[in-house]
Amino acid sequence: MSAGGGHMMDGIPVWMGMLGLIAIIISSHLLVRYRKPSIELMDYPKWRLFQFKWIAALVKKSWFPLLAQSLSIFFFLLVITAGLIGNDKHNIGPVLTWTWWWVLLIFLAMGFGKVFCMICPWEGLSSMITSLSFTSRVKKLGFDLPWPKWARNIFPAILFFIILTWFELGRDITRSAMWTSILGLVMVSMAILSAIIFEKRSFCRYGCLVGRISGLYSLFAPLELRAASAQVCGDCKTKECYTGTATTTPCPTFLFPSKLSENSYCTLCTECVRSCPHDNLEINFRPIGTDLKNKNTFQWDEAILAVVLLSLTSFHGLTMTPHWNHWNGVLRAETGLGPTSVFTILMALMVILPILLFWFGAKIAKKLAGPTQVTVPDIFKAFSYSLIPIALFYHLAHNCMHFFMEAQHLIPLLSDPFGWGWDLFGTASKTYSPMLSLSSIWYLQIGCVVLGHLYGVVMADRFARRLFGDNPAAFRSLIPLIFTMILYSSFSVWLIMQPMDMRSAM
């Protein structure tokens, strides 16, 4: 048993970690040494889902959003109810929320982009309230105040993400059904109040931490919503996809669907699909990483989120290791501070230090690049996007451990969701083995970390040449930043080598 009340899972073997580190270092050199000379925006093949007429017809139904969101709304209400009236310790809420939804969210973002936004229960409930309808999304209740100008960025979402992580790890709310329910109520209340007060779905665009995290990760995803023909959109005079119609809403996240070129802020609500009189919007599968490879504009808020994502995901893993408890004990003894203060200080350092380290790498890159109009902030912003694959694949590695070792705990709770001694399906008293063996999970973890690093190096090279052109300055700028990325990935390998305190073990 661990200090946290769960059980300790062994980290990957030392030999596997060493091989992973060797692969990271050697492949970083080879990828930069033998890099391709071209950085042109890539044209890519698409596999159209709407070639199947029944899929296109289904998405164009007015009740499609309700169909897409119905199951998630059911499970959301189940979690809320279980937390409010059920046994706080033996309860389906924490397992369904933190071991299934929060873990699978990252897999969904990687494989299907913004599909969670399509099925989001918070948006679904807020739309039903403001439209006074189960099927229509046209707003009938509330105001249309503009979102404050100072907050028209994703810094509010970054702040919410940091606060959630503090509560999740600092207050251990993932083990409490009641606090999980309260958190769910807070999120749906924010979505509903924002939908009532502000225009469109401003909260989805600027404030929702889940939407912004999945938005950044969806740059890697193979699913997209795009215009089929630029010519058709250019000839269209009415732009119903943006303005809406009598039965459909304008784009809720302030996008021009006809000019959509990346996944980040599209919620896949498909309102534009139903609005377009020319049937010119469609959903496609395409090669993975397409949006990231084609990225040519870089924003401060997204760049900071990329670094914070990597920092807090690593921090989550760190808090599950025996080293964390040891360091906490030492700091508390040396400083005389309480556990909450020590936790807050360490978490703040874990957020701030990687940002400073990456900024330092950008400053060295600027010096090595030589005389150029490219600034340190330009370098920081562009190269931060190369951390997205590293963050995503470490996130996947971390979540592999949770899901494949703990997902089976849901089965007994399906028979007794409230902890009232029920046995609805005959599974309440049974135990089930993990979905994968520990050795299989180890291979998945180290494979994810190495693959994420390799993809990050490739992206760093593309962004370097996008900034500096195809010249020696681009290569020189890569040196400190690749070194920084190796440090991040090496820390990820070290983390998965440590024994881990499992979250929901019973």
Protein backbone atom coordinates (compact mmCIF):
# COMPACT_ATOMS: atom_id res chain seq x y z
CA MET A 1 0.00 0.00 0.00
CA SER A 2 1.07 3.60 -0.62
CA ALA A 3 0.85 6.64 1.59
CA GLY A 4 -2.08 7.79 -0.51
CA GLY A 5 -4.15 4.74 0.32
CA GLY A 6 -3.82 3.06 -3.07
CA HIS A 7 -1.19 0.67 -4.28
CA MET A 8 2.19 1.31 -5.85
CA MET A 9 2.76 0.31 -9.46
CA ASP A 10 6.34 -0.36 -10.49
CA GLY A 11 7.88 2.02 -12.99
CA ILE A 12 9.45 0.84 -16.22
CA PRO A 13 12.72 -1.13 -15.81
CA VAL A 14 15.97 0.82 -15.75
CA TRP A 15 17.21 -0.86 -18.94
CA MET A 16 14.06 0.23 -20.78
CA GLY A 17 14.44 3.78 -19.55
CA MET A 18 18.10 3.89 -20.60
CA LEU A 19 17.25 2.61 -24.07
CA GLY A 20 14.56 5.26 -24.30
CA LEU A 21 17.01 8.01 -23.37
CA ILE A 22 19.56 6.75 -25.88
CA ALA A 23 16.86 6.67 -28.58
CA ILE A 24 15.82 10.25 -27.72
CA ILE A 25 19.36 11.62 -27.88
CA ILE A 26 20.51 9.77 -31.02
CA SER A 27 17.31 10.33 -32.98
CA SER A 28 17.33 14.05 -32.12
CA HIS A 29 20.74 14.33 -33.74
CA LEU A 30 19.78 12.26 -36.79
CA LEU A 31 16.51 14.09 -37.41
CA VAL A 32 18.22 17.49 -37.37
CA ARG A 33 21.28 16.28 -39.28
CA TYR A 34 19.28 14.77 -42.13
CA ARG A 35 16.33 17.14 -42.14
CA LYS A 36 14.37 17.82 -45.30
CA PRO A 37 14.97 21.19 -46.96
CA SER A 38 11.35 22.16 -47.67
CA ILE A 39 9.00 23.86 -45.20
CA GLU A 40 6.14 24.64 -47.58
CA LEU A 41 2.63 24.18 -46.31
CA MET A 42 1.63 20.62 -46.98
CA ASP A 43 -1.24 19.62 -49.20
CA TYR A 44 -2.80 16.51 -47.79
CA PRO A 45 -5.23 13.76 -48.73
CA LYS A 46 -8.70 13.68 -47.18
CA TRP A 47 -11.12 10.87 -46.55
CA ARG A 48 -14.62 12.35 -46.60
CA LEU A 49 -17.08 11.04 -44.01
CA PHE A 50 -19.94 12.64 -45.91
CA GLN A 51 -19.34 10.37 -48.87
CA PHE A 52 -21.58 8.08 -46.85
CA LYS A 53 -24.94 9.71 -47.47
CA TRP A 54 -26.48 8.45 -44.25
CA ILE A 55 -23.78 10.18 -42.16
CA ALA A 56 -24.33 13.48 -43.97
CA ALA A 57 -28.09 13.15 -43.57
CA LEU A 58 -27.75 12.36 -39.86
CA VAL A 59 -25.50 15.35 -39.11
CA LYS A 60 -27.91 17.68 -40.94
CA LYS A 61 -30.84 16.71 -38.71
CA SER A 62 -31.84 19.41 -36.22
CA TRP A 63 -31.79 16.85 -33.41
CA PHE A 64 -28.24 15.64 -34.13
CA PRO A 65 -26.62 17.73 -31.32
CA LEU A 66 -29.07 16.24 -28.81
CA LEU A 67 -28.27 12.75 -30.07
CA ALA A 68 -24.53 13.41 -29.82
CA GLN A 69 -24.77 14.85 -26.30
CA SER A 70 -27.44 12.61 -24.78
CA LEU A 71 -25.13 9.89 -23.45
CA SER A 72 -22.62 12.33 -21.96
CA ILE A 73 -25.46 14.30 -20.33
CA PHE A 74 -26.76 11.07 -18.79
CA PHE A 75 -23.36 10.17 -17.32
CA PHE A 76 -22.77 13.74 -16.16
CA LEU A 77 -26.09 13.77 -14.28
CA LEU A 78 -25.25 10.33 -12.87
CA VAL A 79 -21.95 11.66 -11.49
CA ILE A 80 -23.67 14.72 -9.99
CA THR A 81 -26.42 12.63 -8.41
CA ALA A 82 -24.02 10.01 -7.08
CA GLY A 83 -21.86 12.69 -5.49
CA LEU A 84 -24.77 14.47 -3.83
CA ILE A 85 -26.71 11.51 -2.42
CA GLY A 86 -24.32 8.55 -2.57
CA ASN A 87 -21.64 7.14 -0.30
CA ASP A 88 -18.63 9.44 -0.63
CA LYS A 89 -16.06 6.63 -0.51
CA HIS A 90 -17.74 3.85 -2.52
CA ASN A 91 -19.18 5.72 -5.49
CA ILE A 92 -19.18 5.62 -9.27
CA GLY A 93 -18.53 9.37 -9.61
CA PRO A 94 -14.76 9.60 -9.09
CA VAL A 95 -13.97 6.50 -11.18
CA LEU A 96 -16.26 7.55 -14.02
CA THR A 97 -14.88 11.10 -13.97
CA TRP A 98 -11.16 10.75 -13.29
CA THR A 99 -10.31 7.23 -14.49
CA TRP A 100 -12.57 7.15 -17.53
CA TRP A 101 -13.56 10.63 -18.73
CA TRP A 102 -10.44 12.63 -17.76
CA VAL A 103 -8.14 9.87 -19.03
CA LEU A 104 -9.99 9.08 -22.25
CA LEU A 105 -10.36 12.79 -23.04
CA ILE A 106 -6.71 12.88 -24.13
CA PHE A 107 -7.11 9.79 -26.32
CA LEU A 108 -10.22 11.36 -27.87
CA ALA A 109 -8.40 14.64 -28.55
CA MET A 110 -5.55 12.83 -30.25
CA GLY A 111 -7.75 10.56 -32.37
CA PHE A 112 -10.83 12.66 -33.00
CA GLY A 113 -9.87 16.27 -32.28
CA LYS A 114 -12.65 18.35 -30.77
CA VAL A 115 -15.17 15.51 -30.58
CA PHE A 116 -15.60 16.01 -26.82
CA CYS A 117 -16.86 19.53 -27.53
CA MET A 118 -19.39 17.96 -29.88
CA ILE A 119 -20.70 15.71 -27.09
CA CYS A 120 -20.03 18.12 -24.19
CA PRO A 121 -22.76 17.86 -21.53
CA TRP A 122 -22.08 21.38 -20.21
CA GLU A 123 -22.68 22.93 -23.64
CA GLY A 124 -25.67 20.67 -24.21
CA LEU A 125 -27.40 21.70 -20.97
CA SER A 126 -26.59 25.39 -21.46
CA SER A 127 -27.97 25.27 -25.03
CA MET A 128 -31.19 23.63 -23.90
CA ILE A 129 -31.70 26.32 -21.27
CA THR A 130 -30.92 29.32 -23.47
CA SER A 131 -32.86 27.98 -26.48
CA LEU A 132 -35.78 26.62 -24.40
CA SER A 133 -35.64 23.60 -26.69
CA PHE A 134 -34.19 20.12 -26.86
CA THR A 135 -33.27 20.36 -30.54
CA SER A 136 -32.88 24.01 -31.58
CA ARG A 137 -29.73 25.88 -30.53
CA VAL A 138 -31.15 29.34 -31.42
CA LYS A 139 -30.88 31.54 -28.33
CA LYS A 140 -34.18 32.74 -26.84
CA LEU A 141 -33.24 33.35 -23.20
CA GLY A 142 -30.58 35.72 -21.93
CA PHE A 143 -28.44 38.58 -23.17
CA ASP A 144 -25.78 38.99 -25.83
CA LEU A 145 -23.17 41.05 -24.05
CA PRO A 146 -19.71 41.04 -25.62
CA TRP A 147 -17.02 39.05 -23.84
CA PRO A 148 -14.61 41.50 -22.11
CA LYS A 149 -11.84 42.61 -24.45
CA TRP A 150 -9.10 41.98 -21.89
CA ALA A 151 -10.19 38.33 -21.66
CA ARG A 152 -10.40 37.59 -25.39
CA ASN A 153 -7.61 35.06 -25.15
CA ILE A 154 -7.18 31.70 -23.49
CA PHE A 155 -5.41 32.97 -20.37
CA PRO A 156 -8.70 32.54 -18.39
CA ALA A 157 -8.71 28.87 -19.41
CA ILE A 158 -5.04 28.52 -18.41
CA LEU A 159 -5.85 30.00 -15.00
CA PHE A 160 -8.78 27.59 -14.55
CA PHE A 161 -6.51 24.69 -15.53
CA ILE A 162 -3.96 25.67 -12.87
CA ILE A 163 -6.71 26.08 -10.24
CA LEU A 164 -8.24 22.70 -11.13
CA THR A 165 -4.85 21.01 -10.87
CA TRP A 166 -4.31 22.61 -7.47
CA PHE A 167 -7.64 21.25 -6.22
CA GLU A 168 -7.17 17.87 -7.91
CA LEU A 169 -3.72 17.21 -6.45
CA GLY A 170 -3.52 19.59 -3.49
CA ARG A 171 -6.94 18.81 -2.03
CA ASP A 172 -7.20 15.26 -3.41
CA ILE A 173 -10.70 15.82 -4.79
CA THR A 174 -10.31 12.91 -7.21
CA ARG A 175 -11.02 10.49 -4.35
CA SER A 176 -14.16 12.31 -3.19
CA ALA A 177 -17.51 11.77 -4.92
CA MET A 178 -18.96 14.87 -3.28
CA TRP A 179 -16.15 17.19 -4.44
CA THR A 180 -16.19 15.64 -7.91
CA SER A 181 -19.92 16.44 -8.05
CA ILE A 182 -19.33 19.99 -6.81
CA LEU A 183 -16.68 20.54 -9.46
CA GLY A 184 -19.08 19.31 -12.14
CA LEU A 185 -21.74 21.70 -10.88
CA VAL A 186 -19.24 24.58 -10.98
CA MET A 187 -18.31 23.81 -14.59
CA VAL A 188 -21.91 23.51 -15.81
CA SER A 189 -22.88 26.67 -13.89
CA MET A 190 -20.07 28.61 -15.57
CA ALA A 191 -21.19 27.34 -18.98
CA ILE A 192 -24.86 28.18 -18.35
CA LEU A 193 -24.26 31.63 -16.84
CA SER A 194 -21.85 32.54 -19.62
CA ALA A 195 -24.34 31.38 -22.26
CA ILE A 196 -27.08 33.49 -20.66
CA ILE A 197 -24.99 36.64 -20.19
CA PHE A 198 -22.57 36.72 -23.12
CA GLU A 199 -22.91 36.42 -26.88
CA LYS A 200 -22.63 33.08 -28.62
CA ARG A 201 -20.50 30.53 -26.70
CA SER A 202 -17.81 32.86 -25.40
CA PHE A 203 -16.99 30.51 -22.52
CA CYS A 204 -16.26 27.69 -24.98
CA ARG A 205 -13.93 29.94 -26.95
CA TYR A 206 -12.04 31.61 -24.12
CA GLY A 207 -12.76 30.10 -20.73
CA CYS A 208 -13.24 26.34 -20.94
CA LEU A 209 -10.05 24.60 -19.84
CA VAL A 210 -11.17 21.28 -21.34
CA GLY A 211 -11.89 22.87 -24.70
CA ARG A 212 -8.58 24.72 -24.76
CA ILE A 213 -6.52 21.67 -23.78
CA SER A 214 -8.25 19.47 -26.34
CA GLY A 215 -8.00 22.36 -28.83
CA LEU A 216 -4.23 22.46 -28.59
CA TYR A 217 -3.95 18.69 -28.76
CA SER A 218 -6.38 18.56 -31.70
CA LEU A 219 -3.74 20.22 -33.87
CA PHE A 220 -2.35 16.69 -33.97
CA ALA A 221 -5.69 14.97 -34.62
CA PRO A 222 -6.66 13.33 -37.93
CA LEU A 223 -10.27 14.62 -37.86
CA GLU A 224 -11.27 18.01 -39.26
CA LEU A 225 -14.26 20.11 -40.31
CA ARG A 226 -13.46 22.10 -43.45
CA ALA A 227 -14.98 23.69 -46.53
CA ALA A 228 -15.03 21.30 -49.48
CA SER A 229 -14.46 24.04 -52.08
CA ALA A 230 -12.89 27.45 -51.50
CA GLN A 231 -14.48 28.63 -54.76
CA VAL A 232 -18.01 27.84 -53.57
CA CYS A 233 -17.39 29.72 -50.31
CA GLY A 234 -15.91 32.64 -52.22
CA ASP A 235 -18.97 32.91 -54.44
CA CYS A 236 -21.40 32.69 -51.51
CA LYS A 237 -22.84 36.12 -50.66
CA THR A 238 -24.97 35.27 -47.61
CA LYS A 239 -22.44 33.38 -45.41
CA GLU A 240 -25.08 31.52 -43.42
CA CYS A 241 -22.30 29.38 -41.91
CA TYR A 242 -21.15 32.49 -40.02
CA THR A 243 -24.40 34.43 -39.57
CA GLY A 244 -26.77 31.51 -38.95
CA THR A 245 -30.33 31.07 -40.14
CA ALA A 246 -33.79 31.07 -38.60
CA THR A 247 -33.21 27.50 -37.38
CA THR A 248 -29.43 27.43 -36.83
CA THR A 249 -27.06 29.57 -34.82
CA PRO A 250 -24.07 31.59 -36.02
CA CYS A 251 -20.72 29.92 -35.42
CA PRO A 252 -20.65 29.82 -31.58
CA THR A 253 -16.89 30.40 -31.35
CA PHE A 254 -16.69 33.41 -33.72
CA LEU A 255 -15.08 31.51 -36.62
CA PHE A 256 -15.59 31.81 -40.35
CA PRO A 257 -16.13 28.12 -41.17
CA SER A 258 -15.43 28.83 -44.83
CA LYS A 259 -11.88 29.87 -43.91
CA LEU A 260 -11.25 27.33 -41.18
CA SER A 261 -7.68 26.03 -41.37
CA GLU A 262 -7.08 24.40 -37.98
CA ASN A 263 -9.01 22.59 -35.27
CA SER A 264 -8.20 24.63 -32.16
CA TYR A 265 -11.40 26.64 -31.71
CA CYS A 266 -13.95 24.66 -33.73
CA THR A 267 -16.25 22.75 -31.36
CA LEU A 268 -17.64 20.43 -34.05
CA CYS A 269 -21.13 21.63 -33.15
CA THR A 270 -21.94 21.15 -36.89
CA GLU A 271 -24.27 24.16 -36.92
CA CYS A 272 -22.42 25.42 -40.00
CA VAL A 273 -23.03 22.09 -41.76
CA ARG A 274 -26.77 22.52 -41.24
CA SER A 275 -26.64 26.22 -42.20
CA CYS A 276 -24.73 25.98 -45.47
CA PRO A 277 -27.15 26.17 -48.43
CA HIS A 278 -24.49 24.72 -50.75
CA ASP A 279 -23.62 21.59 -48.70
CA ASN A 280 -20.02 22.77 -48.87
CA LEU A 281 -18.90 21.93 -45.33
CA GLU A 282 -17.79 18.43 -44.48
CA ILE A 283 -15.99 16.32 -41.89
CA ASN A 284 -12.86 14.50 -43.02
CA PHE A 285 -10.08 12.26 -41.84
CA ARG A 286 -6.58 13.36 -42.83
CA PRO A 287 -2.94 12.53 -41.87
CA ILE A 288 -2.07 13.03 -38.20
CA GLY A 289 -0.33 16.25 -37.26
CA THR A 290 -1.57 18.16 -40.29
CA ASP A 291 -2.55 21.36 -38.45
CA LEU A 292 0.68 21.38 -36.47
CA LYS A 293 2.82 20.89 -39.58
CA ASN A 294 1.00 23.71 -41.34
CA LYS A 295 1.09 26.10 -38.39
CA ASN A 296 2.47 29.49 -39.46
CA THR A 297 0.98 31.90 -36.91
CA PHE A 298 1.97 31.69 -33.26
CA GLN A 299 0.07 33.18 -30.31
CA TRP A 300 1.28 34.06 -26.83
CA ASP A 301 -1.63 32.46 -25.01
CA GLU A 302 -1.37 29.17 -26.90
CA ALA A 303 2.41 29.13 -26.46
CA ILE A 304 2.10 29.55 -22.69
CA LEU A 305 -0.58 26.84 -22.56
CA ALA A 306 1.72 24.44 -24.43
CA VAL A 307 4.45 24.86 -21.80
CA VAL A 308 1.97 24.78 -18.90
CA LEU A 309 0.40 21.60 -20.27
CA LEU A 310 3.77 19.87 -20.27
CA SER A 311 4.60 21.28 -16.82
CA LEU A 312 1.38 20.30 -15.08
CA THR A 313 1.12 16.89 -16.71
CA SER A 314 4.65 16.14 -15.51
CA PHE A 315 3.77 17.61 -12.12
CA HIS A 316 0.82 15.23 -11.89
CA GLY A 317 3.15 12.29 -12.42
CA LEU A 318 5.69 13.67 -9.95
CA THR A 319 3.12 13.90 -7.14
CA MET A 320 2.47 10.16 -7.48
CA THR A 321 6.10 9.17 -6.81
CA PRO A 322 7.72 8.39 -3.42
CA HIS A 323 10.15 11.27 -4.08
CA TRP A 324 7.28 13.73 -3.81
CA ASN A 325 6.38 12.69 -0.27
CA HIS A 326 10.06 12.78 0.74
CA TRP A 327 10.64 16.28 -0.68
CA ASN A 328 7.44 17.54 0.94
CA GLY A 329 8.56 16.20 4.29
CA VAL A 330 12.00 17.77 4.02
CA LEU A 331 10.64 21.19 3.01
CA ARG A 332 8.04 21.19 5.75
CA ALA A 333 10.69 20.31 8.33
CA GLU A 334 13.12 22.95 7.05
CA THR A 335 10.64 25.79 6.58
CA GLY A 336 8.00 25.07 9.20
CA LEU A 337 5.27 25.61 6.58
CA GLY A 338 2.09 23.56 6.40
CA PRO A 339 1.37 20.96 3.70
CA THR A 340 -0.88 23.28 1.67
CA SER A 341 1.74 26.05 1.57
CA VAL A 342 4.51 23.65 0.59
CA PHE A 343 2.35 22.09 -2.12
CA THR A 344 1.42 25.51 -3.53
CA ILE A 345 5.06 26.65 -3.63
CA LEU A 346 6.24 23.47 -5.36
CA MET A 347 3.40 23.61 -7.88
CA ALA A 348 4.16 27.27 -8.64
CA LEU A 349 7.80 26.37 -9.24
CA MET A 350 6.77 23.51 -11.51
CA VAL A 351 4.76 25.97 -13.64
CA ILE A 352 7.24 28.87 -13.65
CA LEU A 353 10.59 27.08 -14.03
CA PRO A 354 9.84 25.35 -17.39
CA ILE A 355 8.64 28.69 -18.81
CA LEU A 356 11.86 30.35 -17.66
CA LEU A 357 13.96 27.45 -18.97
CA PHE A 358 12.34 27.63 -22.38
CA TRP A 359 12.72 31.43 -22.44
CA PHE A 360 16.40 31.01 -21.62
CA GLY A 361 16.69 28.53 -24.50
CA ALA A 362 15.02 31.06 -26.81
CA LYS A 363 17.52 33.76 -25.76
CA ILE A 364 20.48 31.49 -26.53
CA ALA A 365 18.86 30.54 -29.85
CA LYS A 366 18.60 34.23 -30.72
CA LYS A 367 22.32 34.73 -30.00
CA LEU A 368 23.36 31.68 -32.01
CA ALA A 369 21.17 32.65 -34.97
CA GLY A 370 23.13 35.87 -35.43
CA PRO A 371 21.84 39.18 -36.82
CA THR A 372 18.16 38.78 -37.64
CA GLN A 373 14.83 40.56 -37.20
CA VAL A 374 13.42 37.52 -35.38
CA THR A 375 13.01 38.38 -31.68
CA VAL A 376 13.29 36.24 -28.56
CA PRO A 377 9.48 36.35 -28.09
CA ASP A 378 9.06 35.19 -31.71
CA ILE A 379 11.34 32.22 -31.03
CA PHE A 380 9.65 31.40 -27.72
CA LYS A 381 6.17 31.46 -29.25
CA ALA A 382 7.03 29.39 -32.32
CA PHE A 383 9.12 26.76 -30.57
CA SER A 384 6.57 26.33 -27.77
CA TYR A 385 4.31 24.62 -30.29
CA SER A 386 6.96 21.95 -30.78
CA LEU A 387 6.31 20.96 -27.14
CA ILE A 388 2.74 19.97 -27.96
CA PRO A 389 3.68 16.44 -29.17
CA ILE A 390 5.97 15.98 -26.14
CA ALA A 391 3.18 17.03 -23.76
CA LEU A 392 0.54 15.02 -25.63
CA PHE A 393 2.50 11.77 -25.75
CA TYR A 394 3.67 12.02 -22.14
CA HIS A 395 0.03 12.68 -21.24
CA LEU A 396 -0.90 9.53 -23.16
CA ALA A 397 1.87 7.56 -21.43
CA HIS A 398 0.66 8.72 -18.02
CA ASN A 399 -2.97 8.00 -18.86
CA CYS A 400 -2.14 4.55 -20.23
CA MET A 401 -1.03 3.59 -16.75
CA HIS A 402 -4.22 4.86 -15.12
CA PHE A 403 -6.68 3.51 -17.65
CA PHE A 404 -5.28 0.07 -18.33
CA MET A 405 -4.53 -0.57 -14.65
CA GLU A 406 -7.64 0.97 -13.08
CA ALA A 407 -10.48 1.08 -15.64
CA GLN A 408 -11.85 -2.27 -14.44
CA HIS A 409 -12.86 -0.68 -11.11
CA LEU A 410 -15.89 0.74 -12.93
CA ILE A 411 -17.48 -2.70 -13.45
CA PRO A 412 -18.44 -3.41 -9.80
CA LEU A 413 -19.64 0.18 -9.41
CA LEU A 414 -22.07 -0.19 -12.32
CA SER A 415 -24.03 -2.54 -10.06
CA ASP A 416 -23.78 -0.25 -7.03
CA PRO A 417 -23.25 3.31 -8.33
CA PHE A 418 -24.26 5.10 -5.12
CA GLY A 419 -22.59 2.75 -2.64
CA TRP A 420 -25.93 1.69 -1.19
CA GLY A 421 -25.26 -2.05 -1.27
CA TRP A 422 -27.04 -2.70 -4.57
CA ASP A 423 -26.05 -5.43 -7.03
CA LEU A 424 -27.96 -4.49 -10.17
CA PHE A 425 -25.90 -6.55 -12.65
CA GLY A 426 -24.32 -9.11 -10.37
CA THR A 427 -20.87 -7.50 -10.49
CA ALA A 428 -20.78 -5.58 -7.18
CA SER A 429 -18.80 -8.17 -5.23
CA LYS A 430 -16.53 -9.30 -8.05
CA THR A 431 -12.96 -8.23 -8.76
CA TYR A 432 -11.46 -7.87 -12.20
CA SER A 433 -7.89 -7.90 -13.47
CA PRO A 434 -6.30 -4.91 -15.23
CA MET A 435 -6.99 -4.62 -18.94
CA LEU A 436 -3.29 -4.99 -19.85
CA SER A 437 -0.29 -6.55 -18.17
CA LEU A 438 2.22 -4.27 -16.48
CA SER A 439 4.92 -5.11 -19.02
CA SER A 440 2.59 -4.18 -21.90
CA ILE A 441 1.89 -0.82 -20.27
CA TRP A 442 5.64 -0.22 -19.87
CA TYR A 443 6.20 -0.66 -23.61
CA LEU A 444 3.30 1.66 -24.39
CA GLN A 445 4.65 4.30 -22.02
CA ILE A 446 8.23 4.39 -23.26
CA GLY A 447 7.02 4.18 -26.86
CA CYS A 448 4.76 7.20 -26.34
CA VAL A 449 7.51 9.31 -24.75
CA VAL A 450 10.05 8.54 -27.48
CA LEU A 451 7.53 9.04 -30.30
CA GLY A 452 6.32 12.36 -28.87
CA HIS A 453 9.89 13.61 -28.61
CA LEU A 454 10.71 12.64 -32.20
CA TYR A 455 7.65 14.39 -33.51
CA GLY A 456 8.50 17.46 -31.39
CA VAL A 457 11.99 17.63 -32.92
CA VAL A 458 10.55 17.44 -36.43
CA MET A 459 8.13 20.28 -35.58
CA ALA A 460 10.94 22.36 -34.04
CA ASP A 461 12.89 22.04 -37.27
CA ARG A 462 9.89 23.16 -39.35
CA PHE A 463 9.25 26.14 -37.08
CA ALA A 464 12.94 27.14 -37.10
CA ARG A 465 12.96 27.33 -40.88
CA ARG A 466 9.61 29.09 -40.86
CA LEU A 467 11.21 31.78 -38.70
CA PHE A 468 14.71 31.99 -40.21
CA GLY A 469 14.32 30.48 -43.67
CA ASP A 470 16.36 27.61 -45.09
CA ASN A 471 19.75 28.86 -43.91
CA PRO A 472 22.35 28.13 -41.21
CA ALA A 473 20.62 30.46 -38.74
CA ALA A 474 17.70 28.02 -38.56
CA PHE A 475 20.04 25.15 -37.70
CA ARG A 476 21.95 27.16 -35.09
CA SER A 477 18.73 28.27 -33.39
CA LEU A 478 17.72 24.63 -32.99
CA ILE A 479 20.72 23.65 -30.86
CA PRO A 480 19.66 25.08 -27.44
CA LEU A 481 15.99 24.36 -28.02
CA ILE A 482 16.53 20.73 -28.97
CA PHE A 483 18.71 20.43 -25.86
CA THR A 484 15.83 21.85 -23.78
CA MET A 485 13.40 19.39 -25.38
CA ILE A 486 15.78 16.53 -24.55
CA LEU A 487 15.76 17.68 -20.91
CA TYR A 488 11.95 17.68 -20.86
CA SER A 489 11.72 14.25 -22.47
CA SER A 490 14.44 12.85 -20.18
CA PHE A 491 12.41 14.03 -17.20
CA SER A 492 9.37 12.26 -18.68
CA VAL A 493 11.40 9.03 -18.96
CA TRP A 494 12.61 9.43 -15.38
CA LEU A 495 9.02 9.86 -14.21
CA ILE A 496 7.75 6.67 -15.82
CA MET A 497 10.71 4.82 -14.28
CA GLN A 498 9.43 5.67 -10.77
CA PRO A 499 6.93 3.64 -8.75
CA MET A 500 3.54 5.31 -8.99
CA ASP A 501 0.77 5.66 -6.40
CA MET A 502 -2.37 4.62 -8.27
CA ARG A 503 -5.27 7.03 -7.93
CA SER A 504 -8.39 4.93 -7.59
CA ALA A 505 -7.07 1.55 -6.44
CA MET A 506 -9.44 -0.18 -4.02
